[in-house]
Amino acid sequence: MKHHYYFTIITLLTFIQFSFTQNSIGTITNTDNAYNGYTLFAPNASNNTYLINNCGEVVHQWTSTYTPAASVYLLENGNLLRTGKIPNESISFGGVGGKIELFDWDNNLLWEYTYSSETQSQHHDIFPLPNGNILMLAVDTMTEIEALSAGRDPNLLTESKIFNEQIIELQPLLGTDITTVIWEWNIKDHLIQDYDSEIANYGVVSEHPELLNFNFLNDNDGVANWLHFNSIQYNAQLDQIILSSRKLSELYIIDHSTTTEEAAGHTGGTYGKGGDFLFRWGNPISHGIGDSDDQTLFSQHYPHWIAEGLTDEGKIIVFNNGNSIRFSTVDIFEPETSEPGVYIFDEETGYGPSTPEWTYEDEIDPENFFSSILSSAQRLPNGNTLVCDGDSGYFFELDNTNTKVWEYVNPDSATGILTQNDEPTANLVFRALKFPIDYPAFTNRDLTPGDPIELDFDISDCLQLSTVDNVKNKIALYPNPAKSTIKINTNQNITKVEIFNNLGQRIASYKDKTILNIEHLKKGIYIIKVHWLGNVAIKKIIKN
């Protein structure tokens, strides 16, 4: 009997380590070190938003009338907040949307909001605030006369308009058509220029890092879309917002605690600076410090604070696209502060640090990892990092040795749903986010896996680690990895639980238990057999 267990376990572990090597789309790799969770993404060319497990099976799906204008969010109550792309001939750069929608878990539309006209549009990103309000990233149009009146060098105007980036805070009243704007911030209120001394915002750029140089283009053309903000994220502990400018290769942090009046000025709010920058990073030459050698960001996306409780919590992680250097990285850095939310500025070196403290790049050849647009990176609860290589719809998860432990290629493309072994093309994804299986949105939800997205799929080798079995009998183990106890989450009457080591030897047995004490186990990989009513489920656990 022991030899039978030995064969079963070794076979099982072999499948865990080497599954999916033949696939070209869907799940390519799913190893034992992958974080056990559900991944949310909305393909750029699709009306669908998918939630998949590590095998690529769809556990839930939402469908809209619109393709996404980039971002989607799964809220803790199970609602889906998403952007939608509607036609706008006057404002048409990549990421323009104009629509926000809120769906419940069952795909019922609860609320929608349109911000789109000849002069204004929502674009790229939104952010759901803890109080139910929504931050919306948008542009409105400054005419050529308005731009010149704000100190724009006319030689840097290649269109007859300039886009003013703005943040608008919306307060929806669900069940009605009423949506109230309760706060607003505009970049046009925080400009400095050294071109025209007759204009009020004239000054020495290097002496005002809290303001944006209206005539710094970072070697880009002077088109209306001169900034191209592509991300807005929020830190509730600090009540601060972080913004990302793709064109200027720089990120900015501002104070959200201000009133709208204070947000248009230079004083007020918790940090006393009104709507001016509290911090900026990535390209110090933009505000007259250093030179091009000091640049650390290149057309980046999705800078955000790493959540509390995770590895490197409170630090900032960013997908650094690397357009001008032709390879991408994922970077983590911690702003230098004198106290929480108060950033240190040095007149010679600017805001610190001078370089990221952690960087991922392809170790064999950096150019093997390059996404010129889109993309994201997320630190996961087990310390792994999920990366979305957006322009190829390729997601991969890195463990703490930077080894790829999970890989997935989006099969929903602009040409339709791809078939297994098709060459993936036109399958762009703006952002991918992975959620733990105990995320509140999943409580009392049916997450029975369905088919993968791709056609002619083959997931026969897939073993999901600690997920719900694809049968009516649900068995889940968590946390996993674990240090001291493992809880069995099930609706079955458990009669016996056995633990085996990797030699097939039974080393522990429990009767009528759903909470297992594993403190006595050494660090390593173990197999758990859960017995109930003549049935057996085999699961793998990792003891930390």
Protein backbone atom coordinates (compact mmCIF):
# COMPACT_ATOMS: atom_id res chain seq x y z
CA MET A 1 0.00 0.00 0.00
CA LYS A 2 2.85 2.38 0.80
CA HIS A 3 4.30 1.83 -2.67
CA HIS A 4 0.92 2.75 -4.18
CA TYR A 5 0.90 6.05 -2.29
CA TYR A 6 4.49 6.71 -3.33
CA PHE A 7 3.64 6.28 -7.01
CA THR A 8 0.52 8.46 -6.72
CA ILE A 9 2.31 11.30 -4.97
CA ILE A 10 5.32 11.35 -7.27
CA THR A 11 3.01 11.32 -10.30
CA LEU A 12 0.96 14.10 -8.77
CA LEU A 13 4.00 16.28 -8.12
CA THR A 14 5.26 15.66 -11.64
CA PHE A 15 2.01 17.03 -13.05
CA ILE A 16 2.25 20.02 -10.73
CA GLN A 17 5.71 20.95 -11.93
CA PHE A 18 5.44 20.29 -15.64
CA SER A 19 1.89 20.97 -16.77
CA PHE A 20 0.88 22.83 -19.94
CA THR A 21 4.26 22.94 -21.71
CA GLN A 22 2.46 22.11 -24.99
CA ASN A 23 -0.01 24.99 -24.85
CA SER A 24 0.33 28.29 -26.70
CA ILE A 25 -2.66 30.08 -25.14
CA GLY A 26 -4.55 29.82 -21.89
CA THR A 27 -2.57 28.40 -18.98
CA ILE A 28 0.96 27.58 -20.09
CA THR A 29 2.49 26.78 -16.71
CA ASN A 30 0.97 26.08 -13.30
CA THR A 31 3.49 25.01 -10.66
CA ASP A 32 3.25 24.26 -6.97
CA ASN A 33 4.70 27.69 -6.11
CA ALA A 34 1.98 29.66 -7.91
CA TYR A 35 -0.31 31.70 -5.67
CA ASN A 36 -3.68 30.03 -5.39
CA GLY A 37 -6.19 32.65 -6.44
CA TYR A 38 -8.50 33.96 -9.14
CA THR A 39 -7.25 36.33 -11.86
CA LEU A 40 -9.43 39.16 -13.19
CA PHE A 41 -8.86 40.71 -16.61
CA ALA A 42 -10.77 42.45 -19.39
CA PRO A 43 -9.24 41.95 -22.87
CA ASN A 44 -9.00 45.23 -24.74
CA ALA A 45 -10.94 44.03 -27.77
CA SER A 46 -13.64 42.15 -25.86
CA ASN A 47 -16.89 43.06 -24.12
CA ASN A 48 -16.18 40.36 -21.55
CA THR A 49 -14.48 40.54 -18.18
CA TYR A 50 -13.17 37.17 -16.96
CA LEU A 51 -12.34 35.66 -13.59
CA ILE A 52 -10.21 32.53 -14.02
CA ASN A 53 -8.51 30.02 -11.76
CA ASN A 54 -4.90 28.91 -12.14
CA CYS A 55 -5.92 26.31 -14.73
CA GLY A 56 -7.47 28.99 -16.90
CA GLU A 57 -11.00 27.77 -16.23
CA VAL A 58 -13.58 30.56 -16.10
CA VAL A 59 -15.17 30.72 -12.66
CA HIS A 60 -17.16 33.87 -13.44
CA GLN A 61 -17.76 36.29 -16.30
CA TRP A 62 -19.40 39.67 -16.91
CA THR A 63 -20.47 41.06 -20.29
CA SER A 64 -20.93 44.72 -21.22
CA THR A 65 -22.14 46.53 -24.31
CA TYR A 66 -18.74 48.24 -24.47
CA THR A 67 -15.14 47.21 -24.74
CA PRO A 68 -13.13 48.43 -21.74
CA ALA A 69 -11.49 51.83 -21.66
CA ALA A 70 -8.70 50.06 -19.85
CA SER A 71 -9.43 49.37 -16.17
CA VAL A 72 -11.87 47.12 -14.29
CA TYR A 73 -12.21 46.51 -10.53
CA LEU A 74 -13.81 43.69 -8.55
CA LEU A 75 -15.26 45.18 -5.37
CA GLU A 76 -15.48 43.37 -2.04
CA ASN A 77 -19.27 43.08 -2.34
CA GLY A 78 -18.94 41.20 -5.64
CA ASN A 79 -19.82 44.13 -7.90
CA LEU A 80 -17.74 44.86 -10.98
CA LEU A 81 -16.74 48.48 -11.63
CA ARG A 82 -15.48 49.01 -15.16
CA THR A 83 -14.73 51.61 -17.79
CA GLY A 84 -16.31 51.56 -21.24
CA LYS A 85 -15.17 52.90 -24.57
CA ILE A 86 -17.61 55.06 -26.56
CA PRO A 87 -16.79 56.86 -29.83
CA ASN A 88 -15.37 60.38 -29.56
CA GLU A 89 -14.03 61.98 -32.75
CA SER A 90 -12.59 64.99 -30.90
CA ILE A 91 -10.70 63.07 -28.22
CA SER A 92 -9.35 59.84 -29.60
CA PHE A 93 -6.00 58.91 -28.07
CA GLY A 94 -5.41 55.39 -26.73
CA GLY A 95 -7.24 54.74 -23.48
CA VAL A 96 -10.11 57.15 -24.09
CA GLY A 97 -13.38 55.75 -22.76
CA GLY A 98 -16.10 58.13 -21.64
CA LYS A 99 -18.20 55.56 -19.78
CA ILE A 100 -18.25 54.02 -16.30
CA GLU A 101 -20.46 51.05 -15.40
CA LEU A 102 -21.24 49.14 -12.21
CA PHE A 103 -22.53 45.57 -12.49
CA ASP A 104 -23.58 43.24 -9.71
CA TRP A 105 -22.27 39.67 -9.50
CA ASP A 106 -25.12 38.47 -11.74
CA ASN A 107 -24.27 40.98 -14.49
CA ASN A 108 -27.15 43.33 -13.74
CA LEU A 109 -26.26 46.96 -14.52
CA LEU A 110 -26.63 48.92 -11.28
CA TRP A 111 -25.30 52.30 -12.36
CA GLU A 112 -23.67 54.04 -15.30
CA TYR A 113 -22.12 57.43 -15.91
CA THR A 114 -21.08 59.11 -19.14
CA TYR A 115 -18.36 61.75 -19.30
CA SER A 116 -17.79 62.33 -22.99
CA SER A 117 -18.19 65.35 -25.25
CA GLU A 118 -16.23 67.31 -27.85
CA THR A 119 -14.14 68.84 -25.07
CA GLN A 120 -14.11 66.26 -22.25
CA SER A 121 -13.73 62.53 -21.70
CA GLN A 122 -12.99 59.93 -19.07
CA HIS A 123 -9.96 57.88 -20.00
CA HIS A 124 -7.83 54.94 -18.83
CA ASP A 125 -8.53 54.56 -15.14
CA ILE A 126 -10.94 54.98 -12.27
CA PHE A 127 -10.62 54.06 -8.61
CA PRO A 128 -13.31 52.91 -6.14
CA LEU A 129 -12.91 54.73 -2.82
CA PRO A 130 -13.72 53.06 0.52
CA ASN A 131 -16.76 55.31 1.02
CA GLY A 132 -18.36 54.22 -2.27
CA ASN A 133 -17.29 57.27 -4.26
CA ILE A 134 -15.31 56.87 -7.47
CA LEU A 135 -12.23 58.74 -8.61
CA MET A 136 -12.30 59.28 -12.37
CA LEU A 137 -9.31 60.17 -14.53
CA ALA A 138 -10.36 62.50 -17.36
CA VAL A 139 -9.26 65.23 -19.74
CA ASP A 140 -10.87 68.48 -20.71
CA THR A 141 -9.70 70.74 -23.51
CA MET A 142 -7.74 73.96 -23.24
CA THR A 143 -7.94 76.03 -26.41
CA GLU A 144 -4.80 77.34 -28.06
CA ILE A 145 -5.50 80.78 -26.57
CA GLU A 146 -5.89 79.27 -23.08
CA ALA A 147 -2.65 77.31 -23.49
CA LEU A 148 -0.71 80.40 -24.59
CA SER A 149 -2.23 82.36 -21.71
CA ALA A 150 -0.86 79.72 -19.34
CA GLY A 151 2.68 80.15 -20.71
CA ARG A 152 2.89 77.49 -23.37
CA ASP A 153 5.68 78.14 -25.86
CA PRO A 154 3.85 78.47 -29.21
CA ASN A 155 6.66 76.53 -30.88
CA LEU A 156 5.59 73.54 -28.76
CA LEU A 157 2.00 73.58 -29.97
CA THR A 158 1.41 71.23 -32.89
CA GLU A 159 -2.38 71.21 -32.47
CA SER A 160 -4.81 74.00 -31.73
CA LYS A 161 -5.55 72.63 -28.28
CA ILE A 162 -4.00 71.06 -25.18
CA PHE A 163 -5.56 68.47 -22.87
CA ASN A 164 -5.80 69.37 -19.22
CA GLU A 165 -5.64 66.22 -17.10
CA GLN A 166 -8.15 66.17 -14.27
CA ILE A 167 -9.43 64.00 -11.45
CA ILE A 168 -13.13 64.06 -10.67
CA GLU A 169 -14.66 62.41 -7.61
CA LEU A 170 -18.13 61.04 -8.27
CA GLN A 171 -20.77 60.17 -5.70
CA PRO A 172 -23.28 57.77 -7.29
CA LEU A 173 -26.77 57.39 -5.90
CA LEU A 174 -27.51 53.80 -6.87
CA GLY A 175 -30.96 53.11 -8.21
CA THR A 176 -31.26 56.63 -9.62
CA ASP A 177 -29.80 58.72 -12.43
CA ILE A 178 -28.22 61.05 -9.89
CA THR A 179 -24.43 61.27 -9.74
CA THR A 180 -22.83 64.18 -7.90
CA VAL A 181 -19.37 65.62 -8.51
CA ILE A 182 -18.03 66.32 -5.03
CA TRP A 183 -14.34 67.02 -5.68
CA GLU A 184 -12.12 68.02 -8.57
CA TRP A 185 -8.42 68.51 -9.30
CA ASN A 186 -6.85 69.89 -12.51
CA ILE A 187 -3.23 69.90 -13.64
CA LYS A 188 -3.72 73.31 -15.28
CA ASP A 189 -3.86 74.83 -11.78
CA HIS A 190 -0.35 73.56 -11.00
CA LEU A 191 1.81 74.67 -13.91
CA ILE A 192 5.01 76.66 -13.97
CA GLN A 193 6.83 78.03 -17.00
CA ASP A 194 9.96 80.05 -17.73
CA TYR A 195 8.95 81.18 -21.23
CA ASP A 196 6.85 84.30 -20.67
CA SER A 197 7.70 86.54 -17.70
CA GLU A 198 4.47 88.50 -18.13
CA ILE A 199 2.36 85.53 -17.06
CA ALA A 200 1.59 84.87 -13.39
CA ASN A 201 2.98 81.32 -13.30
CA TYR A 202 6.42 82.41 -14.55
CA GLY A 203 9.29 81.20 -12.37
CA VAL A 204 12.45 79.15 -11.99
CA VAL A 205 11.41 75.59 -12.69
CA SER A 206 14.07 73.97 -10.48
CA GLU A 207 12.82 75.97 -7.49
CA HIS A 208 9.29 74.63 -7.81
CA PRO A 209 9.24 70.80 -7.84
CA GLU A 210 5.65 70.99 -6.61
CA LEU A 211 4.59 72.33 -10.03
CA LEU A 212 4.68 70.92 -13.56
CA ASN A 213 6.80 72.61 -16.22
CA PHE A 214 4.29 73.45 -18.96
CA ASN A 215 7.03 73.43 -21.61
CA PHE A 216 8.77 70.16 -20.76
CA LEU A 217 7.83 67.57 -23.38
CA ASN A 218 10.41 64.84 -22.67
CA ASP A 219 11.32 64.67 -26.38
CA ASN A 220 7.67 64.12 -27.37
CA ASP A 221 5.78 66.11 -29.97
CA GLY A 222 3.69 69.00 -28.72
CA VAL A 223 0.39 67.24 -29.38
CA ALA A 224 -2.76 67.90 -27.38
CA ASN A 225 -2.23 64.65 -25.47
CA TRP A 226 1.11 65.85 -24.07
CA LEU A 227 0.86 64.12 -20.68
CA HIS A 228 -1.10 60.90 -21.27
CA PHE A 229 -1.90 60.07 -17.66
CA ASN A 230 -2.64 56.34 -17.63
CA SER A 231 -3.26 55.42 -14.01
CA ILE A 232 -4.87 56.73 -10.84
CA GLN A 233 -4.50 54.87 -7.53
CA TYR A 234 -5.27 55.74 -3.93
CA ASN A 235 -3.80 55.22 -0.44
CA ALA A 236 -6.53 55.36 2.22
CA GLN A 237 -4.09 55.53 5.15
CA LEU A 238 -2.39 58.63 3.72
CA ASP A 239 -5.42 59.99 1.84
CA GLN A 240 -3.15 60.49 -1.17
CA ILE A 241 -3.48 59.84 -4.88
CA ILE A 242 -0.74 58.61 -7.21
CA LEU A 243 -0.81 59.50 -10.92
CA SER A 244 1.28 58.26 -13.83
CA SER A 245 2.28 60.29 -16.90
CA ARG A 246 3.37 58.01 -19.72
CA LYS A 247 4.60 60.84 -21.96
CA LEU A 248 6.76 62.52 -19.29
CA SER A 249 7.91 59.22 -17.72
CA GLU A 250 7.07 60.47 -14.26
CA LEU A 251 4.67 59.74 -11.43
CA TYR A 252 3.11 62.22 -9.01
CA ILE A 253 1.49 62.05 -5.57
CA ILE A 254 -1.10 64.61 -4.51
CA ASP A 255 -3.25 65.25 -1.44
CA HIS A 256 -6.85 64.06 -1.60
CA SER A 257 -7.88 65.65 1.71
CA THR A 258 -8.30 69.10 0.15
CA THR A 259 -11.50 70.83 -0.81
CA THR A 260 -12.00 71.52 -4.52
CA GLU A 261 -11.00 75.14 -3.87
CA GLU A 262 -7.83 74.06 -2.05
CA ALA A 263 -7.09 71.49 -4.79
CA ALA A 264 -6.94 74.39 -7.27
CA GLY A 265 -4.43 76.26 -5.09
CA HIS A 266 -1.16 75.81 -3.29
CA THR A 267 -2.17 75.65 0.38
CA GLY A 268 -4.59 73.66 2.51
CA GLY A 269 -5.30 70.01 3.10
CA THR A 270 -3.64 67.62 5.53
CA TYR A 271 -0.19 68.26 4.07
CA GLY A 272 -0.59 72.02 3.61
CA LYS A 273 0.23 72.14 -0.11
CA GLY A 274 -3.23 72.28 -1.63
CA GLY A 275 -3.29 70.46 -4.97
CA ASP A 276 0.45 70.80 -5.67
CA PHE A 277 2.66 67.73 -5.98
CA LEU A 278 3.71 66.23 -2.66
CA PHE A 279 6.13 63.89 -4.43
CA ARG A 280 7.30 63.14 -7.93
CA TRP A 281 9.65 60.46 -9.23
CA GLY A 282 11.06 58.91 -12.36
CA ASN A 283 12.46 61.77 -14.43
CA PRO A 284 14.01 64.59 -12.34
CA ILE A 285 15.17 66.53 -15.40
CA SER A 286 11.49 67.42 -15.84
CA HIS A 287 11.82 69.88 -12.97
CA GLY A 288 15.37 71.01 -13.68
CA ILE A 289 17.38 68.58 -11.55
CA GLY A 290 20.13 66.30 -12.82
CA ASP A 291 20.23 65.02 -16.36
CA SER A 292 18.97 62.15 -18.50
CA ASP A 293 21.23 59.68 -16.68
CA ASP A 294 19.07 60.18 -13.58
CA GLN A 295 15.90 59.00 -15.31
CA THR A 296 14.46 55.82 -13.77
CA LEU A 297 11.02 55.53 -15.39
CA PHE A 298 10.26 55.09 -19.08
CA SER A 299 6.61 55.26 -20.21
CA GLN A 300 5.48 53.42 -17.08
CA HIS A 301 2.05 52.06 -16.05
CA TYR A 302 0.15 51.25 -12.85
CA PRO A 303 2.29 52.69 -10.05
CA HIS A 304 0.56 51.92 -6.76
CA TRP A 305 1.24 51.38 -3.10
CA ILE A 306 1.72 47.74 -2.10
CA ALA A 307 -1.14 46.84 0.21
CA GLU A 308 -0.85 46.45 3.96
CA GLY A 309 0.16 42.97 5.08
CA LEU A 310 2.05 42.11 1.89
CA THR A 311 5.77 41.83 1.30
CA ASP A 312 7.15 45.38 0.86
CA GLU A 313 3.88 46.91 2.09
CA GLY A 314 3.68 50.68 1.72
CA LYS A 315 6.31 50.77 -1.00
CA ILE A 316 5.45 51.62 -4.61
CA ILE A 317 5.47 49.02 -7.37
CA VAL A 318 5.37 50.05 -11.02
CA PHE A 319 5.50 48.40 -14.44
CA ASN A 320 8.31 50.26 -16.20
CA ASN A 321 7.60 49.80 -19.92
CA GLY A 322 10.97 51.05 -21.14
CA ASN A 323 9.98 52.46 -24.51
CA SER A 324 13.16 54.44 -25.06
CA ILE A 325 15.44 51.66 -23.79
CA ARG A 326 13.48 48.84 -25.52
CA PHE A 327 13.07 46.54 -22.54
CA SER A 328 10.67 46.46 -19.60
CA THR A 329 11.21 46.03 -15.88
CA VAL A 330 9.11 45.80 -12.75
CA ASP A 331 10.41 48.16 -10.09
CA ILE A 332 9.76 48.63 -6.38
CA PHE A 333 10.94 51.66 -4.43
CA GLU A 334 10.17 53.38 -1.15
CA PRO A 335 9.88 57.18 -1.19
CA GLU A 336 12.09 58.91 1.35
CA THR A 337 9.93 60.47 4.06
CA SER A 338 10.35 62.42 7.30
CA GLU A 339 7.01 61.04 8.54
CA PRO A 340 4.21 59.10 6.86
CA GLY A 341 3.09 60.94 3.73
CA VAL A 342 5.64 63.75 4.09
CA TYR A 343 8.32 63.40 1.42
CA ILE A 344 11.91 64.59 1.62
CA PHE A 345 13.16 66.85 -1.17
CA ASP A 346 16.85 67.53 -1.74
CA GLU A 347 17.66 70.62 -3.82
CA GLU A 348 20.49 68.83 -5.62
CA THR A 349 19.15 65.31 -6.04
CA GLY A 350 15.39 65.82 -5.84
CA TYR A 351 13.08 63.24 -4.29
CA GLY A 352 14.62 59.94 -3.29
CA PRO A 353 15.48 57.21 -3.75
CA SER A 354 17.76 57.66 -6.75
CA THR A 355 17.10 54.09 -7.95
CA PRO A 356 14.61 51.31 -7.25
CA GLU A 357 15.47 48.92 -4.43
CA TRP A 358 14.13 45.89 -6.36
CA THR A 359 13.93 45.33 -10.09
CA TYR A 360 12.85 42.42 -12.24
CA GLU A 361 14.14 42.14 -15.78
CA ASP A 362 14.74 39.17 -18.03
CA GLU A 363 18.02 37.69 -16.80
CA ILE A 364 18.99 36.08 -20.11
CA ASP A 365 18.29 39.03 -22.38
CA PRO A 366 16.41 42.13 -21.12
CA GLU A 367 14.88 42.66 -24.57
CA ASN A 368 13.02 39.34 -24.21
CA PHE A 369 10.70 41.16 -21.80
CA PHE A 370 9.26 44.25 -23.43
CA SER A 371 5.76 45.69 -23.51
CA SER A 372 5.69 49.12 -25.09
CA ILE A 373 2.16 49.94 -23.89
CA LEU A 374 -0.39 48.89 -21.24
CA SER A 375 0.77 46.40 -18.54
CA SER A 376 0.80 46.00 -14.77
CA ALA A 377 2.52 44.31 -11.84
CA GLN A 378 1.00 43.24 -8.51
CA ARG A 379 2.61 41.93 -5.32
CA LEU A 380 0.65 38.89 -4.05
CA PRO A 381 -0.03 37.74 -0.48
CA ASN A 382 2.54 34.91 -0.64
CA GLY A 383 5.29 37.28 -1.79
CA ASN A 384 5.01 36.37 -5.47
CA THR A 385 4.59 39.03 -8.15
CA LEU A 386 1.98 38.86 -10.91
CA VAL A 387 3.05 40.59 -14.12
CA CYS A 388 0.82 41.50 -17.06
CA ASP A 389 2.83 41.96 -20.27
CA GLY A 390 -0.04 43.87 -21.80
CA ASP A 391 0.79 44.20 -25.49
CA SER A 392 1.01 40.43 -25.85
CA GLY A 393 -1.74 39.50 -23.37
CA TYR A 394 0.79 37.45 -21.41
CA PHE A 395 0.56 37.07 -17.63
CA PHE A 396 3.28 35.48 -15.55
CA GLU A 397 3.86 35.06 -11.85
CA LEU A 398 7.30 35.26 -10.26
CA ASP A 399 8.32 33.66 -6.97
CA ASN A 400 10.92 35.21 -4.66
CA THR A 401 13.74 33.84 -6.83
CA ASN A 402 12.21 35.49 -9.93
CA THR A 403 11.30 32.09 -11.33
CA LYS A 404 8.13 31.95 -13.41
CA VAL A 405 5.70 29.74 -11.50
CA TRP A 406 2.51 30.49 -13.48
CA GLU A 407 2.01 31.61 -17.07
CA TYR A 408 -1.12 32.46 -19.02
CA VAL A 409 -1.83 33.91 -22.48
CA ASN A 410 -5.14 35.68 -23.10
CA PRO A 411 -7.13 33.79 -25.78
CA ASP A 412 -9.77 36.52 -26.35
CA SER A 413 -8.40 38.58 -29.22
CA ALA A 414 -9.54 41.23 -31.69
CA THR A 415 -10.07 38.44 -34.23
CA GLY A 416 -12.20 36.37 -31.86
CA ILE A 417 -11.58 33.53 -29.42
CA LEU A 418 -8.37 31.73 -30.29
CA THR A 419 -7.95 27.99 -30.63
CA GLN A 420 -5.28 26.12 -28.72
CA ASN A 421 -1.96 26.25 -30.60
CA ASP A 422 -2.96 29.36 -32.53
CA GLU A 423 -0.31 32.05 -32.62
CA PRO A 424 -1.62 34.66 -30.15
CA THR A 425 -2.10 38.06 -31.81
CA ALA A 426 -4.17 41.19 -31.08
CA ASN A 427 -4.91 39.92 -27.57
CA LEU A 428 -3.93 43.03 -25.59
CA VAL A 429 -4.79 43.40 -21.89
CA PHE A 430 -4.45 46.63 -19.92
CA ARG A 431 -4.11 45.11 -16.46
CA ALA A 432 -4.47 41.76 -14.65
CA LEU A 433 -5.19 41.38 -10.94
CA LYS A 434 -5.16 38.23 -8.81
CA PHE A 435 -7.44 37.79 -5.79
CA PRO A 436 -7.12 35.32 -2.90
CA ILE A 437 -9.76 32.60 -2.73
CA ASP A 438 -11.03 34.11 0.55
CA TYR A 439 -11.56 37.58 -0.95
CA PRO A 440 -14.93 38.83 0.41
CA ALA A 441 -16.47 39.06 -3.08
CA PHE A 442 -16.37 35.26 -3.30
CA THR A 443 -18.28 34.54 -0.08
CA ASN A 444 -21.32 32.33 -0.80
CA ARG A 445 -20.71 32.61 -4.55
CA ASP A 446 -20.81 29.73 -6.99
CA LEU A 447 -17.26 29.45 -8.31
CA THR A 448 -17.63 26.08 -9.96
CA PRO A 449 -15.08 26.14 -12.78
CA GLY A 450 -16.37 26.18 -16.31
CA ASP A 451 -14.43 25.67 -19.52
CA PRO A 452 -11.34 27.73 -20.32
CA ILE A 453 -11.79 30.61 -22.74
CA GLU A 454 -9.77 29.14 -25.58
CA LEU A 455 -11.21 26.65 -28.06
CA ASP A 456 -9.93 23.06 -28.29
CA PHE A 457 -8.44 23.42 -24.81
CA ASP A 458 -6.46 20.74 -23.00
CA ILE A 459 -6.09 21.07 -19.24
CA SER A 460 -5.94 17.36 -18.53
CA ASP A 461 -2.69 17.70 -16.60
CA CYS A 462 -3.90 20.51 -14.38
CA LEU A 463 -3.90 20.16 -10.61
CA GLN A 464 -5.28 23.19 -8.82
CA LEU A 465 -3.60 23.78 -5.50
CA SER A 466 -6.10 24.17 -2.66
CA THR A 467 -8.99 25.27 -4.84
CA VAL A 468 -12.56 24.04 -4.89
CA ASP A 469 -12.90 20.66 -6.59
CA ASN A 470 -14.75 20.68 -9.88
CA VAL A 471 -17.52 18.49 -8.42
CA LYS A 472 -20.50 19.13 -6.19
CA ASN A 473 -18.40 18.21 -3.13
CA LYS A 474 -16.33 21.27 -2.26
CA ILE A 475 -13.05 20.89 -0.41
CA ALA A 476 -10.66 23.82 0.05
CA LEU A 477 -7.59 24.20 2.29
CA TYR A 478 -6.29 27.48 3.60
CA PRO A 479 -3.99 29.14 4.25
CA ASN A 480 -1.59 27.45 1.91
CA PRO A 481 1.37 27.78 2.35
CA ALA A 482 0.86 27.59 6.12
CA LYS A 483 2.99 27.75 9.25
CA SER A 484 0.93 26.33 12.11
CA THR A 485 -2.61 25.34 11.15
CA ILE A 486 -4.56 24.36 8.04
CA LYS A 487 -8.33 24.78 7.90
CA ILE A 488 -10.48 22.53 5.73
CA ASN A 489 -13.36 24.49 4.25
CA THR A 490 -16.12 22.12 3.20
CA ASN A 491 -19.81 21.37 3.39
CA GLN A 492 -19.08 17.66 3.91
CA ASN A 493 -18.88 15.61 7.10
CA ILE A 494 -15.17 14.86 7.28
CA THR A 495 -14.39 11.47 8.82
CA LYS A 496 -10.60 11.27 8.52
CA VAL A 497 -7.67 13.34 7.30
CA GLU A 498 -4.23 11.88 6.54
CA ILE A 499 -0.93 13.63 5.80
CA PHE A 500 1.81 11.99 3.72
CA ASN A 501 5.37 13.10 3.05
CA ASN A 502 6.96 13.05 -0.39
CA LEU A 503 8.07 9.44 0.12
CA GLY A 504 4.49 8.30 0.46
CA GLN A 505 4.80 7.72 4.21
CA ARG A 506 1.80 8.60 6.36
CA ILE A 507 3.07 10.90 9.09
CA ALA A 508 -0.18 12.14 10.66
CA SER A 509 -3.82 11.15 10.89
CA TYR A 510 -6.82 13.04 12.30
CA LYS A 511 -10.41 11.98 12.94
CA ASP A 512 -13.38 14.32 12.58
CA LYS A 513 -11.12 17.38 12.32
CA THR A 514 -11.38 20.40 10.04
CA ILE A 515 -8.56 22.37 11.68
CA LEU A 516 -5.18 20.62 11.52
CA ASN A 517 -2.19 21.50 13.69
CA ILE A 518 0.93 21.18 11.51
CA GLU A 519 3.44 22.98 13.72
CA HIS A 520 5.31 19.70 14.22
CA LEU A 521 5.95 19.27 10.48
CA LYS A 522 9.23 20.29 8.93
CA LYS A 523 9.20 22.81 6.09
CA GLY A 524 8.35 21.17 2.80
CA ILE A 525 5.64 19.75 0.53
CA TYR A 526 3.01 17.32 1.84
CA ILE A 527 -0.04 15.54 0.49
CA ILE A 528 -3.33 15.60 2.42
CA LYS A 529 -6.04 12.99 1.90
CA VAL A 530 -9.49 14.10 3.06
CA HIS A 531 -12.08 11.31 3.61
CA TRP A 532 -15.87 11.66 3.79
CA LEU A 533 -18.75 9.22 3.10
CA GLY A 534 -16.58 6.86 1.11
CA ASN A 535 -15.04 9.71 -0.94
CA VAL A 536 -11.42 10.90 -0.96
CA ALA A 537 -9.93 14.22 -2.05
CA ILE A 538 -6.18 14.59 -2.49
CA LYS A 539 -4.66 18.02 -1.91
CA LYS A 540 -1.14 19.40 -1.70
CA ILE A 541 0.05 21.72 1.07
CA ILE A 542 3.25 23.62 1.65
CA LYS A 543 4.56 23.98 5.21
CA ASN A 544 6.56 27.18 5.71
